[in-house]
Amino acid sequence: MKKIPMVVMAFDFGLKHIGIAIGQDVTKTASTFYSISARDGEPDWSELDKIFKEWNPDVCVVGDPFNMDGSRSKIQDLSDRFSNSLNKRYDIQVEKTDERLSSREAKERLEALQIGTRDSSNKHSISAQVILEDWFRSKI
């Protein structure tokens, strides 16, 4: 029997931008797609509603912004609130995954780009891609 791919939507939570990547579990690949605006970590829910309707994900993964020493960061409470809102609004399973070093990896990928924009919103979508790739690796 052929396995139906599970669509996974990953988020790099930020106060001004929330990066989004989409992937599926068969090939364990992730692609950058979106960066939506946020105000103090609160996303434009109508924009996110459209993205959810288009992709209809089976699970969401949100980067968990620990400090480098493993302690809770100042932004973690807001990230937790965002994760809980996703779960309630879309009735979807939400998993958190350690996102330490994802921003550094995203910055390195941006610097390696020959074309495209290197602005902050693009960094967040690439960070979401890194978060999702890490999550897939953790599931092997």
Protein backbone atom coordinates (compact mmCIF):
# COMPACT_ATOMS: atom_id res chain seq x y z
CA MET A 1 0.00 0.00 0.00
CA LYS A 2 1.30 3.44 -0.93
CA LYS A 3 1.91 5.82 1.98
CA ILE A 4 0.12 9.16 1.82
CA PRO A 5 2.59 11.97 2.53
CA MET A 6 2.04 13.83 5.77
CA VAL A 7 2.25 17.59 5.22
CA VAL A 8 4.23 19.38 7.93
CA MET A 9 4.24 23.14 8.43
CA ALA A 10 7.12 24.59 10.44
CA PHE A 11 7.44 28.00 12.05
CA ASP A 12 10.33 30.21 13.08
CA PHE A 13 8.61 32.45 15.60
CA GLY A 14 9.65 36.09 15.81
CA LEU A 15 8.23 39.31 17.16
CA LYS A 16 8.12 41.06 13.75
CA HIS A 17 8.23 38.14 11.31
CA ILE A 18 7.19 34.51 11.51
CA GLY A 19 8.89 32.29 8.96
CA ILE A 20 7.05 29.32 7.52
CA ALA A 21 8.36 26.24 5.74
CA ILE A 22 6.42 23.33 4.28
CA GLY A 23 7.58 19.75 4.01
CA GLN A 24 6.37 16.19 3.85
CA ASP A 25 7.49 13.09 5.66
CA VAL A 26 8.08 10.73 2.72
CA THR A 27 11.12 12.53 1.31
CA LYS A 28 11.76 14.45 4.56
CA THR A 29 12.33 17.61 2.57
CA ALA A 30 11.46 21.16 3.56
CA SER A 31 11.01 24.25 1.41
CA THR A 32 10.80 27.88 2.39
CA PHE A 33 7.57 29.53 1.43
CA TYR A 34 6.45 32.40 3.55
CA SER A 35 7.31 34.99 6.09
CA ILE A 36 4.29 36.68 7.56
CA SER A 37 4.26 39.89 9.50
CA ALA A 38 3.72 39.86 13.24
CA ARG A 39 3.15 42.55 15.81
CA ASP A 40 4.82 41.70 19.11
CA GLY A 41 4.65 38.03 18.09
CA GLU A 42 0.98 38.14 17.14
CA PRO A 43 0.64 37.00 13.49
CA ASP A 44 -1.76 38.29 10.90
CA TRP A 45 -4.21 35.45 11.48
CA SER A 46 -6.18 36.10 8.28
CA GLU A 47 -2.98 35.65 6.26
CA LEU A 48 -2.15 32.50 8.17
CA ASP A 49 -5.72 31.21 7.64
CA LYS A 50 -5.15 31.40 3.87
CA ILE A 51 -1.86 29.52 4.11
CA PHE A 52 -3.47 26.78 6.23
CA LYS A 53 -6.34 26.48 3.78
CA GLU A 54 -3.92 26.17 0.86
CA TRP A 55 -1.59 23.58 2.44
CA ASN A 56 -3.89 21.78 4.90
CA PRO A 57 -1.03 20.54 7.11
CA ASP A 58 -1.26 17.40 9.22
CA VAL A 59 1.07 18.66 11.93
CA CYS A 60 2.84 21.88 12.86
CA VAL A 61 6.36 22.24 14.23
CA VAL A 62 7.36 25.40 16.09
CA GLY A 63 10.94 26.24 16.91
CA ASP A 64 11.47 26.42 20.65
CA PRO A 65 13.76 29.42 21.32
CA PHE A 66 15.94 28.25 24.19
CA ASN A 67 18.98 30.28 25.19
CA MET A 68 22.28 28.73 24.15
CA ASP A 69 22.83 27.39 27.69
CA GLY A 70 19.47 25.57 27.55
CA SER A 71 17.64 27.98 29.82
CA ARG A 72 14.30 29.52 28.86
CA SER A 73 14.53 32.63 26.72
CA LYS A 74 12.48 35.80 27.13
CA ILE A 75 10.63 35.08 23.90
CA GLN A 76 9.71 31.51 24.85
CA ASP A 77 6.47 32.46 26.62
CA LEU A 78 5.28 34.24 23.47
CA SER A 79 6.33 31.29 21.32
CA ASP A 80 4.41 28.95 23.63
CA ARG A 81 1.34 31.17 23.33
CA PHE A 82 1.68 31.11 19.53
CA SER A 83 1.93 27.30 19.57
CA ASN A 84 -1.15 27.00 21.76
CA SER A 85 -3.06 29.38 19.48
CA LEU A 86 -2.16 27.26 16.43
CA ASN A 87 -3.42 24.15 18.20
CA LYS A 88 -6.72 25.73 19.20
CA ARG A 89 -7.39 27.73 16.03
CA TYR A 90 -6.67 24.92 13.56
CA ASP A 91 -7.33 21.87 15.78
CA ILE A 92 -3.91 20.53 14.82
CA GLN A 93 -1.09 18.72 16.57
CA VAL A 94 1.74 21.12 17.37
CA GLU A 95 5.22 19.91 18.25
CA LYS A 96 8.01 22.09 19.60
CA THR A 97 11.62 21.50 18.63
CA ASP A 98 14.84 23.09 19.83
CA GLU A 99 15.75 25.84 17.41
CA ARG A 100 19.13 26.81 18.82
CA LEU A 101 21.56 27.53 15.98
CA SER A 102 18.80 27.61 13.33
CA SER A 103 19.25 31.38 12.89
CA ARG A 104 22.99 30.94 12.44
CA GLU A 105 22.42 28.19 9.86
CA ALA A 106 19.86 30.40 8.07
CA LYS A 107 22.32 33.31 8.00
CA GLU A 108 24.98 31.07 6.47
CA ARG A 109 22.52 29.84 3.83
CA LEU A 110 21.50 33.43 3.04
CA GLU A 111 25.11 34.50 2.64
CA ALA A 112 25.67 31.60 0.23
CA LEU A 113 22.78 32.68 -2.02
CA GLN A 114 23.84 34.01 -5.39
CA ILE A 115 20.46 35.62 -5.99
CA GLY A 116 17.49 36.67 -3.92
CA THR A 117 16.92 38.93 -1.01
CA ARG A 118 18.81 38.70 2.24
CA ASP A 119 16.33 40.61 4.39
CA SER A 120 15.08 39.58 7.81
CA SER A 121 11.82 38.10 6.55
CA ASN A 122 13.72 35.77 4.22
CA LYS A 123 15.98 34.76 7.12
CA HIS A 124 12.92 33.69 9.11
CA SER A 125 11.58 31.50 6.31
CA ILE A 126 15.00 29.86 5.90
CA SER A 127 15.17 29.38 9.68
CA ALA A 128 11.78 27.63 9.48
CA GLN A 129 13.24 25.36 6.80
CA VAL A 130 16.21 24.52 9.06
CA ILE A 131 13.83 23.85 11.98
CA LEU A 132 11.78 21.47 9.85
CA GLU A 133 14.83 19.67 8.46
CA ASP A 134 16.12 19.20 12.03
CA TRP A 135 12.72 17.90 13.13
CA PHE A 136 12.66 15.37 10.27
CA ARG A 137 16.16 14.17 11.24
CA SER A 138 15.03 13.73 14.85
CA LYS A 139 12.25 11.39 13.66
CA ILE A 140 14.52 8.93 11.84
